[in-house]
């Protein structure tokens, strides 16, 4: 059941191009990788909840995450180097930068 929740929650984030529309592919990948980690944490927090109330709890948090993603995309896209700005905003830039670099070199 938790795997289904995770998949549905991830789809709500990854299937909306408007969340990363202001960003290049590299920047969008970085933001999506960060958001995936946030989604995992949100879904894990619902592990003990009865199925009938899971989405009541999860939906507003996913909505807030989507709003935050749009804000992060807008703020970083307005900077001279959006990728560096996004890495700085998200923190732990080395971890996320590796995802972007590995994706770019393939």
PDB file of N, CA and C in Angstrom:
ATOM      1  N   UNK A   1       0.821  -1.193   0.000  1.00  0.00           N
ATOM      2  CA  UNK A   1       0.000   0.000   0.000  1.00  0.00           C
ATOM      3  C   UNK A   1       0.868   1.262   0.000  1.00  0.00           C
ATOM      4  N   UNK A   2       1.936   1.244   0.794  1.00  0.00           N
ATOM      5  CA  UNK A   2       2.810   2.413   0.864  1.00  0.00           C
ATOM      6  C   UNK A   2       3.510   2.666  -0.473  1.00  0.00           C
ATOM      7  N   UNK A   3       3.832   1.610  -1.201  1.00  0.00           N
ATOM      8  CA  UNK A   3       4.454   1.773  -2.523  1.00  0.00           C
ATOM      9  C   UNK A   3       3.500   2.466  -3.489  1.00  0.00           C
ATOM     10  N   UNK A   4       2.215   2.116  -3.408  1.00  0.00           N
ATOM     11  CA  UNK A   4       1.217   2.779  -4.254  1.00  0.00           C
ATOM     12  C   UNK A   4       1.122   4.258  -3.909  1.00  0.00           C
ATOM     13  N   UNK A   5       1.126   4.561  -2.619  1.00  0.00           N
ATOM     14  CA  UNK A   5       1.088   5.961  -2.180  1.00  0.00           C
ATOM     15  C   UNK A   5       2.275   6.723  -2.736  1.00  0.00           C
ATOM     16  N   UNK A   6       3.431   6.111  -2.616  1.00  0.00           N
ATOM     17  CA  UNK A   6       4.647   6.762  -3.088  1.00  0.00           C
ATOM     18  C   UNK A   6       4.573   7.003  -4.596  1.00  0.00           C
ATOM     19  N   UNK A   7       4.146   6.018  -5.335  1.00  0.00           N
ATOM     20  CA  UNK A   7       4.056   6.160  -6.786  1.00  0.00           C
ATOM     21  C   UNK A   7       3.073   7.270  -7.166  1.00  0.00           C
ATOM     22  N   UNK A   8       1.906   7.279  -6.545  1.00  0.00           N
ATOM     23  CA  UNK A   8       0.912   8.313  -6.850  1.00  0.00           C
ATOM     24  C   UNK A   8       1.411   9.703  -6.467  1.00  0.00           C
ATOM     25  N   UNK A   9       2.058   9.790  -5.316  1.00  0.00           N
ATOM     26  CA  UNK A   9       2.582  11.083  -4.868  1.00  0.00           C
ATOM     27  C   UNK A   9       3.685  11.572  -5.798  1.00  0.00           C
ATOM     28  N   UNK A  10       4.556  10.674  -6.220  1.00  0.00           N
ATOM     29  CA  UNK A  10       5.630  11.042  -7.150  1.00  0.00           C
ATOM     30  C   UNK A  10       5.053  11.523  -8.478  1.00  0.00           C
ATOM     31  N   UNK A  11       4.003  10.862  -8.937  1.00  0.00           N
ATOM     32  CA  UNK A  11       3.379  11.258 -10.202  1.00  0.00           C
ATOM     33  C   UNK A  11       2.807  12.665 -10.124  1.00  0.00           C
ATOM     34  N   UNK A  12       2.293  13.034  -8.967  1.00  0.00           N
ATOM     35  CA  UNK A  12       1.742  14.379  -8.807  1.00  0.00           C
ATOM     36  C   UNK A  12       2.819  15.450  -8.937  1.00  0.00           C
ATOM     37  N   UNK A  13       4.045  15.076  -8.630  1.00  0.00           N
ATOM     38  CA  UNK A  13       5.161  16.021  -8.731  1.00  0.00           C
ATOM     39  C   UNK A  13       5.800  15.952 -10.117  1.00  0.00           C
ATOM     40  N   UNK A  14       6.119  14.761 -10.557  1.00  0.00           N
ATOM     41  CA  UNK A  14       6.915  14.619 -11.784  1.00  0.00           C
ATOM     42  C   UNK A  14       6.123  14.839 -13.069  1.00  0.00           C
ATOM     43  N   UNK A  15       4.810  14.730 -13.007  1.00  0.00           N
ATOM     44  CA  UNK A  15       4.020  14.842 -14.237  1.00  0.00           C
ATOM     45  C   UNK A  15       3.572  16.266 -14.557  1.00  0.00           C
ATOM     46  N   UNK A  16       3.996  17.233 -13.761  1.00  0.00           N
ATOM     47  CA  UNK A  16       3.565  18.615 -13.977  1.00  0.00           C
ATOM     48  C   UNK A  16       4.726  19.471 -14.462  1.00  0.00           C
ATOM     49  N   UNK A  17       4.822  19.713 -15.766  1.00  0.00           N
ATOM     50  CA  UNK A  17       5.937  20.505 -16.289  1.00  0.00           C
ATOM     51  C   UNK A  17       5.923  21.952 -15.814  1.00  0.00           C
ATOM     52  N   UNK A  18       4.800  22.433 -15.341  1.00  0.00           N
ATOM     53  CA  UNK A  18       4.725  23.812 -14.852  1.00  0.00           C
ATOM     54  C   UNK A  18       5.584  24.020 -13.604  1.00  0.00           C
ATOM     55  N   UNK A  19       5.893  22.953 -12.897  1.00  0.00           N
ATOM     56  CA  UNK A  19       6.699  23.077 -11.678  1.00  0.00           C
ATOM     57  C   UNK A  19       8.145  23.424 -11.982  1.00  0.00           C
ATOM     58  N   UNK A  20       8.599  23.085 -13.167  1.00  0.00           N
ATOM     59  CA  UNK A  20       9.997  23.332 -13.536  1.00  0.00           C
ATOM     60  C   UNK A  20      10.109  24.126 -14.834  1.00  0.00           C
ATOM     61  N   UNK A  21       9.025  24.710 -15.275  1.00  0.00           N
ATOM     62  CA  UNK A  21       8.974  25.374 -16.570  1.00  0.00           C
ATOM     63  C   UNK A  21       9.990  26.476 -16.787  1.00  0.00           C
ATOM     64  N   UNK A  22      10.404  27.162 -15.733  1.00  0.00           N
ATOM     65  CA  UNK A  22      11.368  28.258 -15.863  1.00  0.00           C
ATOM     66  C   UNK A  22      12.808  27.768 -15.906  1.00  0.00           C
ATOM     67  N   UNK A  23      13.021  26.472 -15.766  1.00  0.00           N
ATOM     68  CA  UNK A  23      14.369  25.927 -15.601  1.00  0.00           C
ATOM     69  C   UNK A  23      14.840  25.168 -16.839  1.00  0.00           C
ATOM     70  N   UNK A  24      16.158  25.079 -16.982  1.00  0.00           N
ATOM     71  CA  UNK A  24      16.741  24.212 -18.001  1.00  0.00           C
ATOM     72  C   UNK A  24      16.590  22.769 -17.537  1.00  0.00           C
ATOM     73  N   UNK A  25      16.930  21.831 -18.399  1.00  0.00           N
ATOM     74  CA  UNK A  25      16.824  20.420 -18.025  1.00  0.00           C
ATOM     75  C   UNK A  25      17.662  20.100 -16.794  1.00  0.00           C
ATOM     76  N   UNK A  26      18.898  20.586 -16.752  1.00  0.00           N
ATOM     77  CA  UNK A  26      19.772  20.304 -15.604  1.00  0.00           C
ATOM     78  C   UNK A  26      19.159  20.820 -14.312  1.00  0.00           C
ATOM     79  N   UNK A  27      18.674  22.030 -14.356  1.00  0.00           N
ATOM     80  CA  UNK A  27      18.093  22.641 -13.162  1.00  0.00           C
ATOM     81  C   UNK A  27      16.821  21.913 -12.751  1.00  0.00           C
ATOM     82  N   UNK A  28      16.015  21.538 -13.732  1.00  0.00           N
ATOM     83  CA  UNK A  28      14.779  20.816 -13.447  1.00  0.00           C
ATOM     84  C   UNK A  28      15.071  19.462 -12.808  1.00  0.00           C
ATOM     85  N   UNK A  29      16.081  18.776 -13.306  1.00  0.00           N
ATOM     86  CA  UNK A  29      16.463  17.481 -12.730  1.00  0.00           C
ATOM     87  C   UNK A  29      16.869  17.657 -11.275  1.00  0.00           C
ATOM     88  N   UNK A  30      17.641  18.667 -10.993  1.00  0.00           N
ATOM     89  CA  UNK A  30      18.065  18.943  -9.622  1.00  0.00           C
ATOM     90  C   UNK A  30      16.860  19.170  -8.721  1.00  0.00           C
ATOM     91  N   UNK A  31      15.943  20.011  -9.160  1.00  0.00           N
ATOM     92  CA  UNK A  31      14.758  20.313  -8.359  1.00  0.00           C
ATOM     93  C   UNK A  31      13.892  19.072  -8.174  1.00  0.00           C
ATOM     94  N   UNK A  32      13.728  18.290  -9.210  1.00  0.00           N
ATOM     95  CA  UNK A  32      12.918  17.074  -9.108  1.00  0.00           C
ATOM     96  C   UNK A  32      13.555  16.039  -8.192  1.00  0.00           C
ATOM     97  N   UNK A  33      14.875  15.903  -8.229  1.00  0.00           N
ATOM     98  CA  UNK A  33      15.565  14.962  -7.325  1.00  0.00           C
ATOM     99  C   UNK A  33      15.339  15.375  -5.868  1.00  0.00           C
ATOM    100  N   UNK A  34      15.445  16.671  -5.617  1.00  0.00           N
ATOM    101  CA  UNK A  34      15.197  17.174  -4.265  1.00  0.00           C
ATOM    102  C   UNK A  34      13.748  16.882  -3.856  1.00  0.00           C
ATOM    103  N   UNK A  35      12.815  17.169  -4.759  1.00  0.00           N
ATOM    104  CA  UNK A  35      11.397  16.966  -4.462  1.00  0.00           C
ATOM    105  C   UNK A  35      11.079  15.494  -4.216  1.00  0.00           C
ATOM    106  N   UNK A  36      11.737  14.613  -4.939  1.00  0.00           N
ATOM    107  CA  UNK A  36      11.528  13.178  -4.724  1.00  0.00           C
ATOM    108  C   UNK A  36      11.872  12.789  -3.290  1.00  0.00           C
ATOM    109  N   UNK A  37      12.960  13.330  -2.775  1.00  0.00           N
ATOM    110  CA  UNK A  37      13.321  13.066  -1.382  1.00  0.00           C
ATOM    111  C   UNK A  37      12.272  13.578  -0.413  1.00  0.00           C
ATOM    112  N   UNK A  38      11.732  14.746  -0.717  1.00  0.00           N
ATOM    113  CA  UNK A  38      10.671  15.311   0.119  1.00  0.00           C
ATOM    114  C   UNK A  38       9.414  14.440   0.072  1.00  0.00           C
ATOM    115  N   UNK A  39       9.074  13.953  -1.106  1.00  0.00           N
ATOM    116  CA  UNK A  39       7.892  13.101  -1.265  1.00  0.00           C
ATOM    117  C   UNK A  39       8.063  11.806  -0.478  1.00  0.00           C
ATOM    118  N   UNK A  40       9.230  11.214  -0.546  1.00  0.00           N
ATOM    119  CA  UNK A  40       9.488   9.982   0.212  1.00  0.00           C
ATOM    120  C   UNK A  40       9.265  10.234   1.703  1.00  0.00           C
ATOM    121  N   UNK A  41       9.779  11.334   2.210  1.00  0.00           N
ATOM    122  CA  UNK A  41       9.601  11.658   3.631  1.00  0.00           C
ATOM    123  C   UNK A  41       8.126  11.862   3.968  1.00  0.00           C
ATOM    124  N   UNK A  42       7.398  12.555   3.108  1.00  0.00           N
ATOM    125  CA  UNK A  42       5.971  12.782   3.356  1.00  0.00           C
ATOM    126  C   UNK A  42       5.192  11.472   3.355  1.00  0.00           C
ATOM    127  N   UNK A  43       5.478  10.617   2.396  1.00  0.00           N
ATOM    128  CA  UNK A  43       4.774   9.336   2.315  1.00  0.00           C
ATOM    129  C   UNK A  43       5.147   8.450   3.499  1.00  0.00           C
ATOM    130  N   UNK A  44       6.413   8.423   3.863  1.00  0.00           N
ATOM    131  CA  UNK A  44       6.834   7.616   5.011  1.00  0.00           C
ATOM    132  C   UNK A  44       6.128   8.054   6.289  1.00  0.00           C
ATOM    133  N   UNK A  45       5.834   9.338   6.397  1.00  0.00           N
ATOM    134  CA  UNK A  45       5.140   9.850   7.581  1.00  0.00           C
ATOM    135  C   UNK A  45       3.691   9.361   7.651  1.00  0.00           C
ATOM    136  N   UNK A  46       3.169   8.831   6.556  1.00  0.00           N
ATOM    137  CA  UNK A  46       1.790   8.322   6.547  1.00  0.00           C
ATOM    138  C   UNK A  46       1.731   6.807   6.718  1.00  0.00           C
ATOM    139  N   UNK A  47       2.854   6.179   6.934  1.00  0.00           N
ATOM    140  CA  UNK A  47       2.920   4.708   6.962  1.00  0.00           C
ATOM    141  C   UNK A  47       1.959   4.084   7.966  1.00  0.00           C
ATOM    142  N   UNK A  48       1.767   4.717   9.090  1.00  0.00           N
ATOM    143  CA  UNK A  48       0.927   4.143  10.142  1.00  0.00           C
ATOM    144  C   UNK A  48      -0.530   4.602  10.074  1.00  0.00           C
ATOM    145  N   UNK A  49      -0.844   5.460   9.138  1.00  0.00           N
ATOM    146  CA  UNK A  49      -2.209   5.985   9.048  1.00  0.00           C
ATOM    147  C   UNK A  49      -3.135   5.006   8.335  1.00  0.00           C
ATOM    148  N   UNK A  50      -4.397   4.987   8.745  1.00  0.00           N
ATOM    149  CA  UNK A  50      -5.371   4.174   8.014  1.00  0.00           C
ATOM    150  C   UNK A  50      -5.539   4.708   6.590  1.00  0.00           C
ATOM    151  N   UNK A  51      -5.743   3.828   5.668  1.00  0.00           N
ATOM    152  CA  UNK A  51      -5.819   4.196   4.250  1.00  0.00           C
ATOM    153  C   UNK A  51      -6.873   5.268   3.975  1.00  0.00           C
ATOM    154  N   UNK A  52      -7.976   5.225   4.707  1.00  0.00           N
ATOM    155  CA  UNK A  52      -9.063   6.164   4.426  1.00  0.00           C
ATOM    156  C   UNK A  52      -8.730   7.626   4.759  1.00  0.00           C
ATOM    157  N   UNK A  53      -7.680   7.864   5.545  1.00  0.00           N
ATOM    158  CA  UNK A  53      -7.325   9.263   5.845  1.00  0.00           C
ATOM    159  C   UNK A  53      -5.961   9.682   5.286  1.00  0.00           C
ATOM    160  N   UNK A  54      -5.280   8.772   4.641  1.00  0.00           N
ATOM    161  CA  UNK A  54      -3.935   9.071   4.136  1.00  0.00           C
ATOM    162  C   UNK A  54      -3.933  10.288   3.229  1.00  0.00           C
ATOM    163  N   UNK A  55      -4.820  10.301   2.227  1.00  0.00           N
ATOM    164  CA  UNK A  55      -4.783  11.396   1.252  1.00  0.00           C
ATOM    165  C   UNK A  55      -5.299  12.704   1.834  1.00  0.00           C
ATOM    166  N   UNK A  56      -6.126  12.627   2.880  1.00  0.00           N
ATOM    167  CA  UNK A  56      -6.524  13.856   3.582  1.00  0.00           C
ATOM    168  C   UNK A  56      -5.297  14.522   4.198  1.00  0.00           C
ATOM    169  N   UNK A  57      -4.378  13.705   4.680  1.00  0.00           N
ATOM    170  CA  UNK A  57      -3.152  14.209   5.294  1.00  0.00           C
ATOM    171  C   UNK A  57      -2.095  14.567   4.250  1.00  0.00           C
ATOM    172  N   UNK A  58      -1.989  13.746   3.234  1.00  0.00           N
ATOM    173  CA  UNK A  58      -0.915  13.876   2.255  1.00  0.00           C
ATOM    174  C   UNK A  58      -1.173  14.965   1.208  1.00  0.00           C
ATOM    175  N   UNK A  59      -2.400  15.096   0.763  1.00  0.00           N
ATOM    176  CA  UNK A  59      -2.719  16.039  -0.323  1.00  0.00           C
ATOM    177  C   UNK A  59      -2.309  17.482  -0.022  1.00  0.00           C
ATOM    178  N   UNK A  60      -2.632  18.038   1.150  1.00  0.00           N
ATOM    179  CA  UNK A  60      -2.223  19.424   1.399  1.00  0.00           C
ATOM    180  C   UNK A  60      -0.707  19.585   1.487  1.00  0.00           C
ATOM    181  N   UNK A  61      -0.028  18.567   1.954  1.00  0.00           N
ATOM    182  CA  UNK A  61       1.434  18.638   2.040  1.00  0.00           C
ATOM    183  C   UNK A  61       2.063  18.578   0.651  1.00  0.00           C
ATOM    184  N   UNK A  62       1.501  17.767  -0.226  1.00  0.00           N
ATOM    185  CA  UNK A  62       1.984  17.725  -1.609  1.00  0.00           C
ATOM    186  C   UNK A  62       1.698  19.043  -2.318  1.00  0.00           C
ATOM    187  N   UNK A  63       0.556  19.625  -2.024  1.00  0.00           N
ATOM    188  CA  UNK A  63       0.214  20.929  -2.599  1.00  0.00           C
ATOM    189  C   UNK A  63       1.230  21.978  -2.148  1.00  0.00           C
ATOM    190  N   UNK A  64       1.591  21.964  -0.883  1.00  0.00           N
ATOM    191  CA  UNK A  64       2.588  22.905  -0.361  1.00  0.00           C
ATOM    192  C   UNK A  64       3.953  22.661  -1.006  1.00  0.00           C
ATOM    193  N   UNK A  65       4.299  21.408  -1.217  1.00  0.00           N
ATOM    194  CA  UNK A  65       5.565  21.081  -1.873  1.00  0.00           C
ATOM    195  C   UNK A  65       5.574  21.601  -3.306  1.00  0.00           C
ATOM    196  N   UNK A  66       4.482  21.433  -4.009  1.00  0.00           N
ATOM    197  CA  UNK A  66       4.383  21.924  -5.385  1.00  0.00           C
ATOM    198  C   UNK A  66       4.537  23.447  -5.418  1.00  0.00           C
ATOM    199  N   UNK A  67       3.917  24.112  -4.469  1.00  0.00           N
ATOM    200  CA  UNK A  67       4.034  25.573  -4.381  1.00  0.00           C
ATOM    201  C   UNK A  67       5.484  25.976  -4.128  1.00  0.00           C
ATOM    202  N   UNK A  68       6.132  25.260  -3.227  1.00  0.00           N
ATOM    203  CA  UNK A  68       7.534  25.544  -2.922  1.00  0.00           C
ATOM    204  C   UNK A  68       8.413  25.309  -4.151  1.00  0.00           C
ATOM    205  N   UNK A  69       8.129  24.252  -4.898  1.00  0.00           N
ATOM    206  CA  UNK A  69       8.903  23.974  -6.110  1.00  0.00           C
ATOM    207  C   UNK A  69       8.769  25.114  -7.121  1.00  0.00           C
ATOM    208  N   UNK A  70       7.544  25.607  -7.299  1.00  0.00           N
ATOM    209  CA  UNK A  70       7.339  26.728  -8.229  1.00  0.00           C
ATOM    210  C   UNK A  70       8.115  27.958  -7.772  1.00  0.00           C
ATOM    211  N   UNK A  71       8.099  28.215  -6.462  1.00  0.00           N
ATOM    212  CA  UNK A  71       8.844  29.356  -5.925  1.00  0.00           C
ATOM    213  C   UNK A  71      10.338  29.182  -6.147  1.00  0.00           C
ATOM    214  N   UNK A  72      10.846  27.997  -5.856  1.00  0.00           N
ATOM    215  CA  UNK A  72      12.271  27.727  -6.042  1.00  0.00           C
ATOM    216  C   UNK A  72      12.671  27.877  -7.507  1.00  0.00           C
ATOM    217  N   UNK A  73      11.833  27.394  -8.393  1.00  0.00           N
ATOM    218  CA  UNK A  73      12.128  27.506  -9.826  1.00  0.00           C
ATOM    219  C   UNK A  73      12.167  28.970 -10.251  1.00  0.00           C
ATOM    220  N   UNK A  74      11.198  29.751  -9.796  1.00  0.00           N
ATOM    221  CA  UNK A  74      11.146  31.172 -10.157  1.00  0.00           C
ATOM    222  C   UNK A  74      12.341  31.938  -9.620  1.00  0.00           C
ATOM    223  N   UNK A  75      12.642  31.728  -8.344  1.00  0.00           N
ATOM    224  CA  UNK A  75      13.742  32.453  -7.702  1.00  0.00           C
ATOM    225  C   UNK A  75      15.071  32.094  -8.347  1.00  0.00           C
ATOM    226  N   UNK A  76      15.326  30.822  -8.534  1.00  0.00           N
ATOM    227  CA  UNK A  76      16.619  30.416  -9.095  1.00  0.00           C
ATOM    228  C   UNK A  76      16.742  30.816 -10.563  1.00  0.00           C
ATOM    229  N   UNK A  77      15.659  30.737 -11.330  1.00  0.00           N
ATOM    230  CA  UNK A  77      15.708  31.102 -12.752  1.00  0.00           C
ATOM    231  C   UNK A  77      16.031  32.578 -12.946  1.00  0.00           C
ATOM    232  N   UNK A  78      15.730  33.398 -11.954  1.00  0.00           N
ATOM    233  CA  UNK A  78      15.982  34.838 -12.049  1.00  0.00           C
ATOM    234  C   UNK A  78      17.428  35.206 -11.724  1.00  0.00           C
ATOM    235  N   UNK A  79      18.214  34.232 -11.290  1.00  0.00           N
ATOM    236  CA  UNK A  79      19.600  34.483 -10.911  1.00  0.00           C
ATOM    237  C   UNK A  79      20.528  34.359 -12.124  1.00  0.00           C
ATOM    238  N   UNK A  80      21.720  34.984 -12.044  1.00  0.00           N
ATOM    239  CA  UNK A  80      22.675  34.889 -13.159  1.00  0.00           C
ATOM    240  C   UNK A  80      23.059  33.444 -13.496  1.00  0.00           C
ATOM    241  N   UNK A  81      23.221  32.612 -12.478  1.00  0.00           N
ATOM    242  CA  UNK A  81      23.516  31.191 -12.692  1.00  0.00           C
ATOM    243  C   UNK A  81      22.460  30.381 -11.939  1.00  0.00           C
ATOM    244  N   UNK A  82      21.352  30.062 -12.588  1.00  0.00           N
ATOM    245  CA  UNK A  82      20.249  29.384 -11.910  1.00  0.00           C
ATOM    246  C   UNK A  82      20.625  28.057 -11.260  1.00  0.00           C
ATOM    247  N   UNK A  83      21.509  27.285 -11.893  1.00  0.00           N
ATOM    248  CA  UNK A  83      21.889  25.991 -11.327  1.00  0.00           C
ATOM    249  C   UNK A  83      22.611  26.169 -10.002  1.00  0.00           C
ATOM    250  N   UNK A  84      23.564  27.080  -9.959  1.00  0.00           N
ATOM    251  CA  UNK A  84      24.297  27.350  -8.721  1.00  0.00           C
ATOM    252  C   UNK A  84      23.345  27.902  -7.662  1.00  0.00           C
ATOM    253  N   UNK A  85      22.458  28.784  -8.074  1.00  0.00           N
ATOM    254  CA  UNK A  85      21.492  29.356  -7.131  1.00  0.00           C
ATOM    255  C   UNK A  85      20.609  28.266  -6.540  1.00  0.00           C
ATOM    256  N   UNK A  86      20.135  27.379  -7.377  1.00  0.00           N
ATOM    257  CA  UNK A  86      19.268  26.301  -6.907  1.00  0.00           C
ATOM    258  C   UNK A  86      20.021  25.364  -5.976  1.00  0.00           C
ATOM    259  N   UNK A  87      21.255  25.033  -6.325  1.00  0.00           N
ATOM    260  CA  UNK A  87      22.072  24.183  -5.450  1.00  0.00           C
ATOM    261  C   UNK A  87      22.254  24.848  -4.096  1.00  0.00           C
ATOM    262  N   UNK A  88      22.508  26.124  -4.105  1.00  0.00           N
ATOM    263  CA  UNK A  88      22.713  26.863  -2.863  1.00  0.00           C
ATOM    264  C   UNK A  88      21.438  26.891  -2.024  1.00  0.00           C
ATOM    265  N   UNK A  89      20.327  27.142  -2.674  1.00  0.00           N
ATOM    266  CA  UNK A  89      19.048  27.199  -1.961  1.00  0.00           C
ATOM    267  C   UNK A  89      18.710  25.848  -1.346  1.00  0.00           C
ATOM    268  N   UNK A  90      18.905  24.797  -2.100  1.00  0.00           N
ATOM    269  CA  UNK A  90      18.533  23.465  -1.627  1.00  0.00           C
ATOM    270  C   UNK A  90      19.502  22.916  -0.594  1.00  0.00           C
ATOM    271  N   UNK A  91      20.729  23.432  -0.602  1.00  0.00           N
ATOM    272  CA  UNK A  91      21.729  22.896   0.314  1.00  0.00           C
ATOM    273  C   UNK A  91      22.194  21.532  -0.148  1.00  0.00           C
ATOM    274  N   UNK A  92      23.230  21.041   0.479  1.00  0.00           N
ATOM    275  CA  UNK A  92      23.764  19.725   0.128  1.00  0.00           C
ATOM    276  C   UNK A  92      23.973  19.623  -1.381  1.00  0.00           C
ATOM    277  N   UNK A  93      24.550  20.674  -1.935  1.00  0.00           N
ATOM    278  CA  UNK A  93      24.661  20.772  -3.389  1.00  0.00           C
ATOM    279  C   UNK A  93      25.480  19.644  -4.009  1.00  0.00           C
ATOM    280  N   UNK A  94      26.449  19.110  -3.297  1.00  0.00           N
ATOM    281  CA  UNK A  94      27.264  18.033  -3.864  1.00  0.00           C
ATOM    282  C   UNK A  94      26.416  16.811  -4.202  1.00  0.00           C
ATOM    283  N   UNK A  95      25.532  16.441  -3.303  1.00  0.00           N
ATOM    284  CA  UNK A  95      24.683  15.271  -3.515  1.00  0.00           C
ATOM    285  C   UNK A  95      23.818  15.450  -4.760  1.00  0.00           C
ATOM    286  N   UNK A  96      23.182  16.598  -4.888  1.00  0.00           N
ATOM    287  CA  UNK A  96      22.280  16.828  -6.004  1.00  0.00           C
ATOM    288  C   UNK A  96      23.034  17.148  -7.284  1.00  0.00           C
ATOM    289  N   UNK A  97      24.179  17.795  -7.174  1.00  0.00           N
ATOM    290  CA  UNK A  97      24.972  18.125  -8.360  1.00  0.00           C
ATOM    291  C   UNK A  97      25.425  16.849  -9.059  1.00  0.00           C
ATOM    292  N   UNK A  98      25.744  15.817  -8.293  1.00  0.00           N
ATOM    293  CA  UNK A  98      26.159  14.550  -8.895  1.00  0.00           C
ATOM    294  C   UNK A  98      25.055  13.964  -9.757  1.00  0.00           C
ATOM    295  N   UNK A  99      23.818  14.087  -9.316  1.00  0.00           N
ATOM    296  CA  UNK A  99      22.696  13.593 -10.114  1.00  0.00           C
ATOM    297  C   UNK A  99      22.652  14.308 -11.453  1.00  0.00           C
ATOM    298  N   UNK A 100      22.846  15.603 -11.437  1.00  0.00           N
ATOM    299  CA  UNK A 100      22.783  16.403 -12.657  1.00  0.00           C
ATOM    300  C   UNK A 100      23.958  16.082 -13.564  1.00  0.00           C
ATOM    301  N   UNK A 101      25.155  16.024 -12.999  1.00  0.00           N
ATOM    302  CA  UNK A 101      26.349  15.748 -13.800  1.00  0.00           C
ATOM    303  C   UNK A 101      26.258  14.374 -14.433  1.00  0.00           C
ATOM    304  N   UNK A 102      25.863  13.374 -13.664  1.00  0.00           N
ATOM    305  CA  UNK A 102      25.754  12.020 -14.199  1.00  0.00           C
ATOM    306  C   UNK A 102      24.718  11.950 -15.312  1.00  0.00           C
ATOM    307  N   UNK A 103      23.624  12.648 -15.177  1.00  0.00           N
ATOM    308  CA  UNK A 103      22.577  12.655 -16.192  1.00  0.00           C
ATOM    309  C   UNK A 103      23.074  13.338 -17.465  1.00  0.00           C
ATOM    310  N   UNK A 104      23.855  14.400 -17.296  1.00  0.00           N
ATOM    311  CA  UNK A 104      24.332  15.176 -18.437  1.00  0.00           C
ATOM    312  C   UNK A 104      25.346  14.392 -19.264  1.00  0.00           C
ATOM    313  N   UNK A 105      26.180  13.597 -18.614  1.00  0.00           N
ATOM    314  CA  UNK A 105      27.258  12.903 -19.314  1.00  0.00           C
ATOM    315  C   UNK A 105      26.799  11.628 -20.006  1.00  0.00           C
ATOM    316  N   UNK A 106      25.580  11.220 -19.798  1.00  0.00           N
ATOM    317  CA  UNK A 106      25.083   9.984 -20.431  1.00  0.00           C
ATOM    318  C   UNK A 106      24.612  10.241 -21.830  1.00  0.00           C
TER     319      UNK A 106
END
